[in-house]
Each structure stands twice: as structure tokens, then as C-alpha cells.
Amino acid sequence: MRSILIVDADAGFCERARAAAERAGDVRVESVPTIDGALALKGAADSELLVVGPGICTADALAAAGTISRAHPDMAVVMVVPEESTDLLRQAMRAGVHDVIPADRPWEEVASAIGAAVSSTGERPQPTGAASETVRRGRTVTVFSTKGGVGKSVVACNVAAALAGMGADVILVDLDLQFGDTGIMLDLKPERTIFDAVQCYERLDAEMLRGFLIPHASGLRVLLAPVHPEDADAVTASRVASILGMLRELAEIVVVDTSASFDDVVLAAIDVSDEVYAVATMDVASIKNTRVSLQKLAQLGYDAGRTKVVLNRADSKVWLDLGEVEQSIDAETIARIPSDRLVPRSVNRGVPVVIDAPRSAVARSLLGLARRIMTEGEVTGDVA
């Protein structure tokens, strides 16, 4: 029997949360009105799930979640919050919170999230003997831009295919949830997508998630974006963070292609990434967006050393030079990818240019970027 602890001063919320937990399985449920009461409760450490209600101060809930995650890493924490925000989601993920649900959502959604958390606690494997060894954890690399049309998805697909060609075990994730093009660029049929994975989120684990990956001829495996734009709403930031964590157990390198935005899902990917590659092009609008994006990431507390700038179509004749670009964005470009008509041709054929024309200058530059990611080495000049 699993043990669930609910914290909120509102007895009505506690009763509804209790009912949601009990519907999900055989559980023992206790409730207390305050965080201090929860932390002081004898036997609280044995609970497998902590549900914090909207009546609890969010700052106190986050602090408690961090304390609990450090002391009891097997205990899941679900927060039902009065108001959701990007900053809150970022803090919650760092505190080890399992899921964050806005209280203004229909109660069916809140109850479903609590039920999913209850189910997932029951499926956690207990480490014994040799099985207690550390789970394999791969690296996560996110390709990012807040401006569309800069070739972000081309870079992500080609780098992922190049890494696979070098012998790495690679998974590519299309997180452009409304209008992802990874399937088109790799000529893959969307038989299974991240939306399908989310539909069984309450029982999803790394092994089950493996079944939603689509194999590519390069050896790459791909988690595709939803087929229908409206399905994107089901793929929440907290679930994305959890899915990316599972994928790290399945591959050496997880390459994430994001949407051209600065939303919660993108920040969830950046938050779990070891490296972030911001793609820019030689035009004023892209340079401005890149500068603003880097500044915003710094304001949110992300380590500037984790973010690298990739300049696409770097040989464009637009009366700008590399020095002006780097001065404007206040960052060095670690890779410069030239323009080439081979790129749109490869996109139309659904074959990455690193496979379609591997000896071309554009392919060599993308292969160089992949080598840099593979070795985590420092690049001071052109990637070639």
C-alpha cells in the first residue's frame, strides 16, 4: 500500500485530492494543514507522494520540495498552485517537483495529474544488488532560436544524424509541438509522437517511452511532434522535463529541436540541457532576437557558459561582418555554417545534407559542429 500525504488548510481540497488518489490505487492518505506540519509529521518520510495544495504559500512549498527531494529522492512532489508562471516552473523543476498544476484548471485535470503521480510512485523499481548501480544518464543538447526561418531545425536534424553516423547513440526530440518539421526533414511517418506518449503518462517509464521512438536510416531515433497543432496543449512543460529525463536513460546524447519561441516548454528543455546552441543568421532581426534571448537567459539565472552561438548562412553578403555580429550579441560564435542550395534540396528530399552531400562545405561545417558536441572540445575558429 502506497502512502500519500496531502498538505492544504482547505479541507475541501484535501478531500477531493484524497478521492483522486484513492481512485488511482491502493493507498493510505493523510492530510495536514501546513508545510511545517507535514515536515514534522511522524512517518512523513515514508510517504511516496506529497501533494501540496493551492492554499500553501508557493515559496514555502518550493522550499519544502527542495528539502524533501534532497533528503528523500524517491518521494514525488505534486504542486497545485494558484497561478502558473515560467519562473515558477523553472524553480519547481530545479526543486525536483514531479508536476505543477494550476488550480484554475478543471478539477478533472487536477485529479488526473494526482492520479498519474500516484500510479507512477507504485511503478518505481526498488534497487537491489547489481540493479542498484547508477542508471545510465546521457547528455542533453538543445538547439534554440526565438526567430523562425534561421535554419534551427536543419541544424538540429543534421547534427543529430551526424552524431549517429559517428557511432553515438542519439535521440532527436521535436519540441516544436505545433508545427514541428523534423518528420518531413527526415522523411519519417508520424506513426507515434510525443502526444501519444503523454496519453499514457501515468504509467510511462523509459522502457515504455522507447516504443514511441521512430528509427531513422542513419541510426538515429526520433520522438516526433504531435500531428495536430491542438494536441500541443497536452504536452505540458513539467511532462516535457520528465520525458527528457527518461530519454537520457536511453541514449548517449539527446538532441532537442525547439519551437521559435520563449515559452515554458522551451525553458523546460533548456533547464535540463547540458549545452544550448542558439542559432542566428546574418540579419539584424535575428541578431537582435539572439541578443535579447541570451540576456533573458542570463536574467533567469542560466549559466552563460552553457549557451553557445551558431551562425547559420554565415557567408551571406548582407553588409555585416562577423565582428559586428559578435559585438552586438556580446558572444563568440563557435560554429559558422555557410549557405548552400544543397540544404533546401536535402530538406525537400527528406535526407539530411550530411548524408545527401557529405563532402559539401555546408555538410562539413555541420559535421564539425557534431564533432564538437561529441567531444565537448573548445572551438576557436571556423568549424570545418
Foldseek 3Di string as FASTA:
>chain_A
DAEEEEEALDVVVQVLLVVLLVVLHDYHYDYDHALVCLVPDPCSLRHQEYEYEQRYDLVSLLVSLLVSCVVRVRHEYEYAHCDDDLLSLLSNVVSRHLYYHHPPPPVVVVSVVSSLSSLQSVPDDDDDDPSPPDQQFAAEEEEAALDPPLCSLLLLLLLQLLLLLVVFAEEEEEAQQADGQLCLLQVHDQPAAVLNQLVPSSHDALVVVVVRWDAGPSNYTYHYHDPHNVSSVSCDQSNLLVVSRSVRSVTNYYYYYHHSNDDSNVVSSVSRHQAYEYEAEPDPVRLVRLLVVLVVCVVSPDDSVRYAYEYEQQVDPDPDHQVVSCVSSVHHHQEYAHDDPVCVVSSNVSHRCCVVPVPDRRNQRSSQVSVCVVVVDGGDDYRD
